[in-house]
Structures are given as C-alpha cells and as structure tokens.
Amino acid sequence: MIHIVFGASVSGSLKFVLKEMGIEKEDKVISFREMFSIGPVWKLHETNRLQARFEWMKRCVSEEYDEWLDYKQGVEKAFNQIEATPKGTHITIWTSNNSHEQTGLRFIVYLLKSYSMDISLINTTDEYEEILEVKKGKYTPLHTGEIPPEKLQVIYEQGHGKFITDHDREGLEKEWLALADGRETLRIWQNGRIQSVSEDYFDAFIINRAKKLQSKSQTNDFMKSARLIGEVLGHLNQYVGDSFLEYRLKKLIEAGIFEAKGCLLAMRFYDVRLKR
C-alpha cells in the first residue's frame, strides 16, 4: 500500500499512525508538500510546466530557514516517487473537503491514469463526522493536517475508504483537465465543488479583520503582521495557508491600503495598520 497525502503535517501524523499499527514497513507515504488551492495549475500535468508553478510560488514561500529549497525539493521528490510507483500497487489517496486536497486528488488521479492499479479514497471530513459522531454545527477540521494522530488512526481503522471505479477516475480526470485549462491562481471549495476565483478574492476579508482589530485598540497603532494573519486564518472557512495571506497583505501594502513598519523580509519582522 502506498498512501498519498497533501502536506507535511498529515504526512508526519500518518507515518506515526502506521508505526503505531506496526505496518510502517508495508505501507509507505508519499507527501506532496504543496498548497494546491493557490498558484497556477495551468497544464501542470505536461512536461516542464512545474517550473512555471515554482516561479509563481516563489512569491509566497519564504526563503528564510531554507523554506523555499525544502518546498521545491519536496515537490520534486513527490513527483519522482509517483513516476516510480510500480504498476499493480494499491494506492490510497487521503483528502478532505477543501480546494487544496480536492485539487490534489484530481491531479494525482490524472497522473496515474495510465497506471494499472487500484486506487482508494479516504475523505477525512466525511469520516471524521461519521465515525467520531460530530454533531451538526460543531467544529470539523478544515484539512487533514489538523486531525491529531489518534483520531487519524480511528479513521483509518474504522473508516470506509471508497474504491475509485473506472467511471470515478474518468470523472476526476476530466475535472482536472478543466482546472488545468484555466490560468487562475486561487481556488476555493464551495457547494461541494472547486471554484477558481480571482487572486484578490480574500483582500476585502483581510481589510475587514484589520478594521475589527484596530477598532479594539484605543491608540489605532500598528499591529504585528502575524497577529493580523492569525486573525484572518482563525475566521476563514477556506484553506489557503498563511503564506498566501501574507502575500496578499504585501500586495495591499504596495497598493497603499495598509502601511507597514519594519522589514518585509518575513512576517515576524514588520507591523501593519490600515492607512489613515
């Protein structure tokens, strides 16, 4: 069995689970350290299109602490592992109800379209709500990486992973081609579907949260940029990551909507406030 996941956090949790179950030597994990809800996916399945995505993602991924190098090498490694997957291997793809993992699911299924192998799907959002009996309206993790290892193990052991039929695969492949035909750089999950939107889609939300934070401050002084990004993340029902939100914050600074104090090299180095 080879498990395919989207993100370093869920990769670490799943590897821990497999070790706890004593099957870490039989079951392997391929992790795409990507954020498929952001950045271009235009013709990404074609040769040499990954470089165009890297060029765009470099705007969002920090070069501090070798983050950019780790990201780039991690993505390239995952691609190589997919290409080297032996035919006849059973693949399990882990996903949840957000544009990041759902886009990743369609991309991987397309990459494996010529491979003769069984593919199963575990939707952690659905399994979390069903197995852990989450009441309607209660908190459900926004992405698989938010699920702690002990609950992830319950999902793996008691869940009902779905076998992807040939018909399912064809549908997912077509949906990928539709996504890969567009040049948008932001995708959201809405009404059970991936929807491509303009890159500035969340700008108004960032501004609104900044207004709320500044209204609580009697001095209307600068706030830590990390404080604002954290506030946005805490109230956003989409999974796009803090790096993208900081990228948009910097765009708003460039546009003169926010003013900044400090060095924009990394989030911890500067403060912001809405321009007076």
C-alpha atoms as a PDB file:
ATOM      1  CA  MET A   1       0.000   0.000   0.000  1.00  0.00           C
ATOM      2  CA  ILE A   2       1.166   3.495  -0.837  1.00  0.00           C
ATOM      3  CA  HIS A   3      -0.602   6.412   0.818  1.00  0.00           C
ATOM      4  CA  ILE A   4      -0.616   9.794  -0.928  1.00  0.00           C
ATOM      5  CA  VAL A   5      -1.211  12.850   1.248  1.00  0.00           C
ATOM      6  CA  PHE A   6      -1.032  16.606   0.729  1.00  0.00           C
ATOM      7  CA  GLY A   7       1.108  18.365   3.322  1.00  0.00           C
ATOM      8  CA  ALA A   8       3.957  17.793   5.763  1.00  0.00           C
ATOM      9  CA  SER A   9       1.685  17.799   8.828  1.00  0.00           C
ATOM     10  CA  VAL A  10      -0.595  14.986   7.692  1.00  0.00           C
ATOM     11  CA  SER A  11       2.439  13.065   6.417  1.00  0.00           C
ATOM     12  CA  GLY A  12       4.014  13.106   9.875  1.00  0.00           C
ATOM     13  CA  SER A  13       0.758  12.121  11.559  1.00  0.00           C
ATOM     14  CA  LEU A  14       0.080   9.242   9.164  1.00  0.00           C
ATOM     15  CA  LYS A  15       3.616   7.876   9.476  1.00  0.00           C
ATOM     16  CA  PHE A  16       3.164   7.895  13.257  1.00  0.00           C
ATOM     17  CA  VAL A  17      -0.155   6.041  12.869  1.00  0.00           C
ATOM     18  CA  LEU A  18       1.370   3.389  10.602  1.00  0.00           C
ATOM     19  CA  LYS A  19       4.171   2.858  13.125  1.00  0.00           C
ATOM     20  CA  GLU A  20       1.662   2.540  15.970  1.00  0.00           C
ATOM     21  CA  MET A  21      -0.198  -0.080  13.912  1.00  0.00           C
ATOM     22  CA  GLY A  22       3.049  -1.918  13.173  1.00  0.00           C
ATOM     23  CA  ILE A  23       2.712  -1.641   9.391  1.00  0.00           C
ATOM     24  CA  GLU A  24       5.198   1.139   8.640  1.00  0.00           C
ATOM     25  CA  LYS A  25       7.364  -1.299   6.630  1.00  0.00           C
ATOM     26  CA  GLU A  26       4.467  -2.467   4.457  1.00  0.00           C
ATOM     27  CA  ASP A  27       2.683   0.865   3.995  1.00  0.00           C
ATOM     28  CA  LYS A  28       4.612   3.807   2.552  1.00  0.00           C
ATOM     29  CA  VAL A  29       3.688   7.504   2.435  1.00  0.00           C
ATOM     30  CA  ILE A  30       4.187   9.924  -0.458  1.00  0.00           C
ATOM     31  CA  SER A  31       3.692  13.506   0.638  1.00  0.00           C
ATOM     32  CA  PHE A  32       3.085  16.468  -1.655  1.00  0.00           C
ATOM     33  CA  ARG A  33       4.327  19.432   0.359  1.00  0.00           C
ATOM     34  CA  GLU A  34       2.156  21.648  -1.766  1.00  0.00           C
ATOM     35  CA  MET A  35      -0.749  24.051  -1.391  1.00  0.00           C
ATOM     36  CA  PHE A  36      -2.914  23.189  -4.380  1.00  0.00           C
ATOM     37  CA  SER A  37      -5.537  25.811  -3.524  1.00  0.00           C
ATOM     38  CA  ILE A  38      -3.118  28.532  -4.621  1.00  0.00           C
ATOM     39  CA  GLY A  39      -0.796  29.117  -7.546  1.00  0.00           C
ATOM     40  CA  PRO A  40      -1.136  28.232 -11.231  1.00  0.00           C
ATOM     41  CA  VAL A  41      -2.100  24.706 -12.257  1.00  0.00           C
ATOM     42  CA  TRP A  42      -2.332  25.525 -15.961  1.00  0.00           C
ATOM     43  CA  LYS A  43      -1.175  22.441 -17.919  1.00  0.00           C
ATOM     44  CA  LEU A  44       0.630  21.269 -14.763  1.00  0.00           C
ATOM     45  CA  HIS A  45       0.483  17.648 -15.923  1.00  0.00           C
ATOM     46  CA  GLU A  46       2.536  18.472 -19.002  1.00  0.00           C
ATOM     47  CA  THR A  47       6.328  18.299 -19.217  1.00  0.00           C
ATOM     48  CA  ASN A  48       8.178  21.340 -17.852  1.00  0.00           C
ATOM     49  CA  ARG A  49       5.007  23.045 -16.539  1.00  0.00           C
ATOM     50  CA  LEU A  50       6.133  22.573 -12.924  1.00  0.00           C
ATOM     51  CA  GLN A  51       8.766  25.282 -13.377  1.00  0.00           C
ATOM     52  CA  ALA A  52       6.098  27.894 -14.119  1.00  0.00           C
ATOM     53  CA  ARG A  53       4.354  26.976 -10.876  1.00  0.00           C
ATOM     54  CA  PHE A  54       7.645  27.253  -8.974  1.00  0.00           C
ATOM     55  CA  GLU A  55       8.174  30.756 -10.350  1.00  0.00           C
ATOM     56  CA  TRP A  56       4.783  31.863  -9.025  1.00  0.00           C
ATOM     57  CA  MET A  57       5.063  30.023  -5.684  1.00  0.00           C
ATOM     58  CA  LYS A  58       8.369  31.751  -5.010  1.00  0.00           C
ATOM     59  CA  ARG A  59       6.299  34.871  -4.311  1.00  0.00           C
ATOM     60  CA  CYS A  60       4.627  33.126  -1.368  1.00  0.00           C
ATOM     61  CA  VAL A  61       7.143  30.696   0.107  1.00  0.00           C
ATOM     62  CA  SER A  62       9.723  32.350   2.342  1.00  0.00           C
ATOM     63  CA  GLU A  63      13.418  31.860   1.661  1.00  0.00           C
ATOM     64  CA  GLU A  64      14.094  32.173   5.381  1.00  0.00           C
ATOM     65  CA  TYR A  65      15.352  28.971   7.059  1.00  0.00           C
ATOM     66  CA  ASP A  66      15.654  27.327   3.607  1.00  0.00           C
ATOM     67  CA  GLU A  67      11.838  27.066   3.373  1.00  0.00           C
ATOM     68  CA  TRP A  68      11.866  27.653  -0.382  1.00  0.00           C
ATOM     69  CA  LEU A  69      14.515  24.997  -1.010  1.00  0.00           C
ATOM     70  CA  ASP A  70      12.705  22.482   1.211  1.00  0.00           C
ATOM     71  CA  TYR A  71       9.436  23.160  -0.600  1.00  0.00           C
ATOM     72  CA  LYS A  72      10.932  22.827  -4.084  1.00  0.00           C
ATOM     73  CA  GLN A  73      12.883  19.671  -3.290  1.00  0.00           C
ATOM     74  CA  GLY A  74       9.870  18.140  -1.528  1.00  0.00           C
ATOM     75  CA  VAL A  75       7.608  18.676  -4.545  1.00  0.00           C
ATOM     76  CA  GLU A  76      10.187  17.300  -6.971  1.00  0.00           C
ATOM     77  CA  LYS A  77      10.715  14.254  -4.743  1.00  0.00           C
ATOM     78  CA  ALA A  78       6.972  13.540  -4.647  1.00  0.00           C
ATOM     79  CA  PHE A  79       6.742  13.746  -8.446  1.00  0.00           C
ATOM     80  CA  ASN A  80       9.641  11.309  -8.806  1.00  0.00           C
ATOM     81  CA  GLN A  81       8.052   8.917  -6.311  1.00  0.00           C
ATOM     82  CA  ILE A  82       4.768   8.969  -8.238  1.00  0.00           C
ATOM     83  CA  GLU A  83       6.546   8.230 -11.517  1.00  0.00           C
ATOM     84  CA  ALA A  84       8.461   5.368  -9.891  1.00  0.00           C
ATOM     85  CA  THR A  85       5.353   3.738  -8.401  1.00  0.00           C
ATOM     86  CA  PRO A  86       5.288   0.085  -9.528  1.00  0.00           C
ATOM     87  CA  LYS A  87       2.259  -0.961 -11.545  1.00  0.00           C
ATOM     88  CA  GLY A  88      -0.090  -3.131  -9.544  1.00  0.00           C
ATOM     89  CA  THR A  89       0.480  -1.138  -6.344  1.00  0.00           C
ATOM     90  CA  HIS A  90      -2.596  -0.299  -4.276  1.00  0.00           C
ATOM     91  CA  ILE A  91      -2.814   3.473  -3.821  1.00  0.00           C
ATOM     92  CA  THR A  92      -4.809   5.222  -1.090  1.00  0.00           C
ATOM     93  CA  ILE A  93      -5.305   8.967  -1.517  1.00  0.00           C
ATOM     94  CA  TRP A  94      -6.220  10.960   1.581  1.00  0.00           C
ATOM     95  CA  THR A  95      -8.330  14.063   1.032  1.00  0.00           C
ATOM     96  CA  SER A  96     -10.874  16.293   2.757  1.00  0.00           C
ATOM     97  CA  ASN A  97     -13.391  18.924   1.776  1.00  0.00           C
ATOM     98  CA  ASN A  98     -11.204  21.845   0.808  1.00  0.00           C
ATOM     99  CA  SER A  99      -9.878  23.114  -2.511  1.00  0.00           C
ATOM    100  CA  HIS A 100      -6.272  22.206  -1.650  1.00  0.00           C
ATOM    101  CA  GLU A 101      -6.751  18.470  -1.154  1.00  0.00           C
ATOM    102  CA  GLN A 102      -9.571  18.138  -3.681  1.00  0.00           C
ATOM    103  CA  THR A 103      -7.421  19.744  -6.386  1.00  0.00           C
ATOM    104  CA  GLY A 104      -4.541  17.496  -5.372  1.00  0.00           C
ATOM    105  CA  LEU A 105      -6.794  14.443  -5.617  1.00  0.00           C
ATOM    106  CA  ARG A 106      -7.789  15.232  -9.196  1.00  0.00           C
ATOM    107  CA  PHE A 107      -4.197  15.967 -10.162  1.00  0.00           C
ATOM    108  CA  ILE A 108      -2.863  12.672  -8.779  1.00  0.00           C
ATOM    109  CA  VAL A 109      -5.647  10.606 -10.339  1.00  0.00           C
ATOM    110  CA  TYR A 110      -4.798  12.184 -13.686  1.00  0.00           C
ATOM    111  CA  LEU A 111      -1.081  11.474 -13.252  1.00  0.00           C
ATOM    112  CA  LEU A 112      -1.930   7.811 -12.570  1.00  0.00           C
ATOM    113  CA  LYS A 113      -4.362   7.462 -15.485  1.00  0.00           C
ATOM    114  CA  SER A 114      -2.085   5.159 -17.477  1.00  0.00           C
ATOM    115  CA  TYR A 115      -1.147   3.038 -14.456  1.00  0.00           C
ATOM    116  CA  SER A 116      -2.815  -0.304 -13.901  1.00  0.00           C
ATOM    117  CA  MET A 117      -3.536  -0.166 -10.187  1.00  0.00           C
ATOM    118  CA  ASP A 118      -6.315   0.013  -7.635  1.00  0.00           C
ATOM    119  CA  ILE A 119      -6.953   3.437  -6.102  1.00  0.00           C
ATOM    120  CA  SER A 120      -8.871   4.001  -2.877  1.00  0.00           C
ATOM    121  CA  LEU A 121     -10.002   7.292  -1.399  1.00  0.00           C
ATOM    122  CA  ILE A 122     -10.348   8.308   2.240  1.00  0.00           C
ATOM    123  CA  ASN A 123     -12.253  11.557   2.731  1.00  0.00           C
ATOM    124  CA  THR A 124     -11.302  12.579   6.253  1.00  0.00           C
ATOM    125  CA  THR A 125     -14.024  15.235   6.505  1.00  0.00           C
ATOM    126  CA  ASP A 126     -16.775  12.691   5.880  1.00  0.00           C
ATOM    127  CA  GLU A 127     -15.136  10.023   8.043  1.00  0.00           C
ATOM    128  CA  TYR A 128     -14.477  12.454  10.891  1.00  0.00           C
ATOM    129  CA  GLU A 129     -18.104  13.500  11.018  1.00  0.00           C
ATOM    130  CA  GLU A 130     -19.445   9.945  10.731  1.00  0.00           C
ATOM    131  CA  ILE A 131     -17.062   7.891  12.873  1.00  0.00           C
ATOM    132  CA  LEU A 132     -16.380  10.486  15.547  1.00  0.00           C
ATOM    133  CA  GLU A 133     -20.057  11.464  15.540  1.00  0.00           C
ATOM    134  CA  VAL A 134     -19.508  15.196  15.292  1.00  0.00           C
ATOM    135  CA  LYS A 135     -22.792  17.000  15.830  1.00  0.00           C
ATOM    136  CA  LYS A 136     -24.021  19.333  13.132  1.00  0.00           C
ATOM    137  CA  GLY A 137     -22.618  22.814  13.593  1.00  0.00           C
ATOM    138  CA  LYS A 138     -19.660  21.586  15.646  1.00  0.00           C
ATOM    139  CA  TYR A 139     -16.079  22.149  14.533  1.00  0.00           C
ATOM    140  CA  THR A 140     -14.786  19.934  11.731  1.00  0.00           C
ATOM    141  CA  PRO A 141     -11.096  20.147  10.735  1.00  0.00           C
ATOM    142  CA  LEU A 142     -10.505  22.381   7.717  1.00  0.00           C
ATOM    143  CA  HIS A 143      -7.901  19.984   6.328  1.00  0.00           C
ATOM    144  CA  THR A 144      -6.493  16.538   7.123  1.00  0.00           C
ATOM    145  CA  GLY A 145      -3.365  18.010   8.707  1.00  0.00           C
ATOM    146  CA  GLU A 146      -5.486  19.398  11.560  1.00  0.00           C
ATOM    147  CA  ILE A 147      -6.573  15.921  12.660  1.00  0.00           C
ATOM    148  CA  PRO A 148      -4.448  14.557  15.546  1.00  0.00           C
ATOM    149  CA  PRO A 149      -2.785  11.150  15.028  1.00  0.00           C
ATOM    150  CA  GLU A 150      -5.050   9.281  17.454  1.00  0.00           C
ATOM    151  CA  LYS A 151      -8.165  10.374  15.552  1.00  0.00           C
ATOM    152  CA  LEU A 152      -6.492   9.753  12.210  1.00  0.00           C
ATOM    153  CA  GLN A 153      -5.834   6.182  13.336  1.00  0.00           C
ATOM    154  CA  VAL A 154      -9.504   5.715  14.240  1.00  0.00           C
ATOM    155  CA  ILE A 155     -10.458   6.940  10.767  1.00  0.00           C
ATOM    156  CA  TYR A 156      -8.003   4.534   9.115  1.00  0.00           C
ATOM    157  CA  GLU A 157      -9.059   1.531  11.184  1.00  0.00           C
ATOM    158  CA  GLN A 158     -12.811   2.121  11.314  1.00  0.00           C
ATOM    159  CA  GLY A 159     -13.444   4.189   8.198  1.00  0.00           C
ATOM    160  CA  HIS A 160     -14.986   3.147   4.942  1.00  0.00           C
ATOM    161  CA  GLY A 161     -12.404   4.039   2.335  1.00  0.00           C
ATOM    162  CA  LYS A 162     -14.012   4.249  -1.082  1.00  0.00           C
ATOM    163  CA  PHE A 163     -12.675   2.255  -4.022  1.00  0.00           C
ATOM    164  CA  ILE A 164     -12.424   4.539  -7.061  1.00  0.00           C
ATOM    165  CA  THR A 165     -14.065   2.891 -10.051  1.00  0.00           C
ATOM    166  CA  ASP A 166     -13.004   3.419 -13.662  1.00  0.00           C
ATOM    167  CA  HIS A 167     -16.032   5.692 -14.036  1.00  0.00           C
ATOM    168  CA  ASP A 168     -14.944   7.704 -10.976  1.00  0.00           C
ATOM    169  CA  ARG A 169     -11.440   8.013 -12.356  1.00  0.00           C
ATOM    170  CA  GLU A 170     -12.654   9.282 -15.706  1.00  0.00           C
ATOM    171  CA  GLY A 171     -14.771  11.911 -13.986  1.00  0.00           C
ATOM    172  CA  LEU A 172     -11.897  13.103 -11.798  1.00  0.00           C
ATOM    173  CA  GLU A 173      -9.545  13.174 -14.809  1.00  0.00           C
ATOM    174  CA  LYS A 174     -11.981  15.368 -16.738  1.00  0.00           C
ATOM    175  CA  GLU A 175     -12.368  17.697 -13.758  1.00  0.00           C
ATOM    176  CA  TRP A 176      -8.598  18.017 -13.549  1.00  0.00           C
ATOM    177  CA  LEU A 177      -8.311  18.901 -17.226  1.00  0.00           C
ATOM    178  CA  ALA A 178     -10.963  21.590 -16.728  1.00  0.00           C
ATOM    179  CA  LEU A 179      -8.970  23.068 -13.814  1.00  0.00           C
ATOM    180  CA  ALA A 180      -5.691  22.792 -15.716  1.00  0.00           C
ATOM    181  CA  ASP A 181      -7.198  24.697 -18.636  1.00  0.00           C
ATOM    182  CA  GLY A 182      -7.590  27.849 -16.536  1.00  0.00           C
ATOM    183  CA  ARG A 183      -4.950  30.375 -15.547  1.00  0.00           C
ATOM    184  CA  GLU A 184      -6.428  31.426 -12.182  1.00  0.00           C
ATOM    185  CA  THR A 185      -4.124  31.307  -9.169  1.00  0.00           C
ATOM    186  CA  LEU A 186      -6.691  30.815  -6.396  1.00  0.00           C
ATOM    187  CA  ARG A 187      -9.271  28.112  -5.803  1.00  0.00           C
ATOM    188  CA  ILE A 188     -11.944  27.793  -3.115  1.00  0.00           C
ATOM    189  CA  TRP A 189     -14.270  24.971  -2.055  1.00  0.00           C
ATOM    190  CA  GLN A 190     -17.901  25.988  -2.444  1.00  0.00           C
ATOM    191  CA  ASN A 191     -21.079  23.913  -2.557  1.00  0.00           C
ATOM    192  CA  GLY A 192     -19.079  20.706  -2.814  1.00  0.00           C
ATOM    193  CA  ARG A 193     -17.048  21.858  -5.808  1.00  0.00           C
ATOM    194  CA  ILE A 194     -13.719  23.509  -6.597  1.00  0.00           C
ATOM    195  CA  GLN A 195     -14.238  27.039  -7.846  1.00  0.00           C
ATOM    196  CA  SER A 196     -11.492  29.186  -9.399  1.00  0.00           C
ATOM    197  CA  VAL A 197     -11.599  32.825  -8.257  1.00  0.00           C
ATOM    198  CA  SER A 198      -9.508  35.968  -8.701  1.00  0.00           C
ATOM    199  CA  GLU A 199      -6.314  36.268  -6.689  1.00  0.00           C
ATOM    200  CA  ASP A 200      -7.664  39.224  -4.667  1.00  0.00           C
ATOM    201  CA  TYR A 201     -10.727  37.258  -3.534  1.00  0.00           C
ATOM    202  CA  PHE A 202      -9.788  37.443   0.176  1.00  0.00           C
ATOM    203  CA  ASP A 203      -8.487  41.034   0.194  1.00  0.00           C
ATOM    204  CA  ALA A 204     -11.746  42.507   1.487  1.00  0.00           C
ATOM    205  CA  PHE A 205     -11.796  39.889   4.252  1.00  0.00           C
ATOM    206  CA  ILE A 206      -8.233  40.814   5.298  1.00  0.00           C
ATOM    207  CA  ILE A 207      -9.179  44.502   5.402  1.00  0.00           C
ATOM    208  CA  ASN A 208     -12.337  43.766   7.403  1.00  0.00           C
ATOM    209  CA  ARG A 209     -10.449  41.761  10.048  1.00  0.00           C
ATOM    210  CA  ALA A 210      -7.855  44.551  10.302  1.00  0.00           C
ATOM    211  CA  LYS A 211     -10.649  47.077  10.924  1.00  0.00           C
ATOM    212  CA  LYS A 212     -12.034  44.908  13.709  1.00  0.00           C
ATOM    213  CA  LEU A 213      -8.619  44.568  15.344  1.00  0.00           C
ATOM    214  CA  GLN A 214      -7.918  48.284  15.072  1.00  0.00           C
ATOM    215  CA  SER A 215     -11.330  49.165  16.492  1.00  0.00           C
ATOM    216  CA  LYS A 216     -10.365  47.266  19.662  1.00  0.00           C
ATOM    217  CA  SER A 217      -7.217  49.371  20.014  1.00  0.00           C
ATOM    218  CA  GLN A 218      -7.728  52.824  21.506  1.00  0.00           C
ATOM    219  CA  THR A 219      -4.481  54.070  20.000  1.00  0.00           C
ATOM    220  CA  ASN A 220      -5.129  52.727  16.481  1.00  0.00           C
ATOM    221  CA  ASP A 221      -1.440  51.811  16.476  1.00  0.00           C
ATOM    222  CA  PHE A 222       0.452  49.311  14.334  1.00  0.00           C
ATOM    223  CA  MET A 223      -0.211  45.607  14.898  1.00  0.00           C
ATOM    224  CA  LYS A 224       2.077  42.660  14.317  1.00  0.00           C
ATOM    225  CA  SER A 225       1.524  41.342  10.799  1.00  0.00           C
ATOM    226  CA  ALA A 226       1.485  37.813  12.248  1.00  0.00           C
ATOM    227  CA  ARG A 227      -1.367  38.911  14.554  1.00  0.00           C
ATOM    228  CA  LEU A 228      -3.449  40.027  11.587  1.00  0.00           C
ATOM    229  CA  ILE A 229      -2.677  36.901   9.529  1.00  0.00           C
ATOM    230  CA  GLY A 230      -3.590  34.741  12.524  1.00  0.00           C
ATOM    231  CA  GLU A 231      -6.868  36.616  12.916  1.00  0.00           C
ATOM    232  CA  VAL A 232      -7.715  36.043   9.255  1.00  0.00           C
ATOM    233  CA  LEU A 233      -6.791  32.358   9.416  1.00  0.00           C
ATOM    234  CA  GLY A 234      -8.906  31.891  12.534  1.00  0.00           C
ATOM    235  CA  HIS A 235     -12.051  33.191  10.833  1.00  0.00           C
ATOM    236  CA  LEU A 236     -11.549  31.938   7.283  1.00  0.00           C
ATOM    237  CA  ASN A 237     -13.509  28.876   6.203  1.00  0.00           C
ATOM    238  CA  GLN A 238     -11.119  28.147   3.331  1.00  0.00           C
ATOM    239  CA  TYR A 239      -7.682  26.529   3.432  1.00  0.00           C
ATOM    240  CA  VAL A 240      -5.104  28.639   1.593  1.00  0.00           C
ATOM    241  CA  GLY A 241      -2.291  28.883   4.149  1.00  0.00           C
ATOM    242  CA  ASP A 242      -0.657  31.794   5.926  1.00  0.00           C
ATOM    243  CA  SER A 243       1.978  32.322   3.215  1.00  0.00           C
ATOM    244  CA  PHE A 244      -0.649  33.223   0.630  1.00  0.00           C
ATOM    245  CA  LEU A 245      -2.431  35.568   3.040  1.00  0.00           C
ATOM    246  CA  GLU A 246       0.846  37.331   3.785  1.00  0.00           C
ATOM    247  CA  TYR A 247       1.488  37.588   0.045  1.00  0.00           C
ATOM    248  CA  ARG A 248      -1.865  39.345  -0.374  1.00  0.00           C
ATOM    249  CA  LEU A 249      -1.164  41.565   2.649  1.00  0.00           C
ATOM    250  CA  LYS A 250       2.059  42.717   0.977  1.00  0.00           C
ATOM    251  CA  LYS A 251       0.064  43.444  -2.188  1.00  0.00           C
ATOM    252  CA  LEU A 252      -2.289  45.600  -0.116  1.00  0.00           C
ATOM    253  CA  ILE A 253       0.731  47.410   1.337  1.00  0.00           C
ATOM    254  CA  GLU A 254       2.001  48.041  -2.206  1.00  0.00           C
ATOM    255  CA  ALA A 255      -1.437  49.395  -3.132  1.00  0.00           C
ATOM    256  CA  GLY A 256      -1.315  51.861  -0.238  1.00  0.00           C
ATOM    257  CA  ILE A 257      -4.250  50.330   1.650  1.00  0.00           C
ATOM    258  CA  PHE A 258      -2.002  49.269   4.525  1.00  0.00           C
ATOM    259  CA  GLU A 259       1.119  50.953   5.798  1.00  0.00           C
ATOM    260  CA  ALA A 260       3.987  48.931   7.234  1.00  0.00           C
ATOM    261  CA  LYS A 261       6.760  49.482   9.745  1.00  0.00           C
ATOM    262  CA  GLY A 262       9.833  47.263   9.714  1.00  0.00           C
ATOM    263  CA  CYS A 263      11.391  44.836   7.244  1.00  0.00           C
ATOM    264  CA  LEU A 264       9.054  42.914   4.928  1.00  0.00           C
ATOM    265  CA  LEU A 265      11.506  40.033   4.593  1.00  0.00           C
ATOM    266  CA  ALA A 266       9.499  37.826   6.961  1.00  0.00           C
ATOM    267  CA  MET A 267       6.194  38.106   8.818  1.00  0.00           C
ATOM    268  CA  ARG A 268       7.828  38.473  12.227  1.00  0.00           C
ATOM    269  CA  PHE A 269       9.850  41.495  11.155  1.00  0.00           C
ATOM    270  CA  TYR A 270       7.120  44.031  10.415  1.00  0.00           C
ATOM    271  CA  ASP A 271       3.931  45.617  11.738  1.00  0.00           C
ATOM    272  CA  VAL A 272       0.975  46.939   9.775  1.00  0.00           C
ATOM    273  CA  ARG A 273      -2.123  49.098  10.044  1.00  0.00           C
ATOM    274  CA  LEU A 274      -4.735  50.384   7.655  1.00  0.00           C
ATOM    275  CA  LYS A 275      -3.620  53.651   6.164  1.00  0.00           C
ATOM    276  CA  ARG A 276      -5.273  56.613   7.830  1.00  0.00           C
END
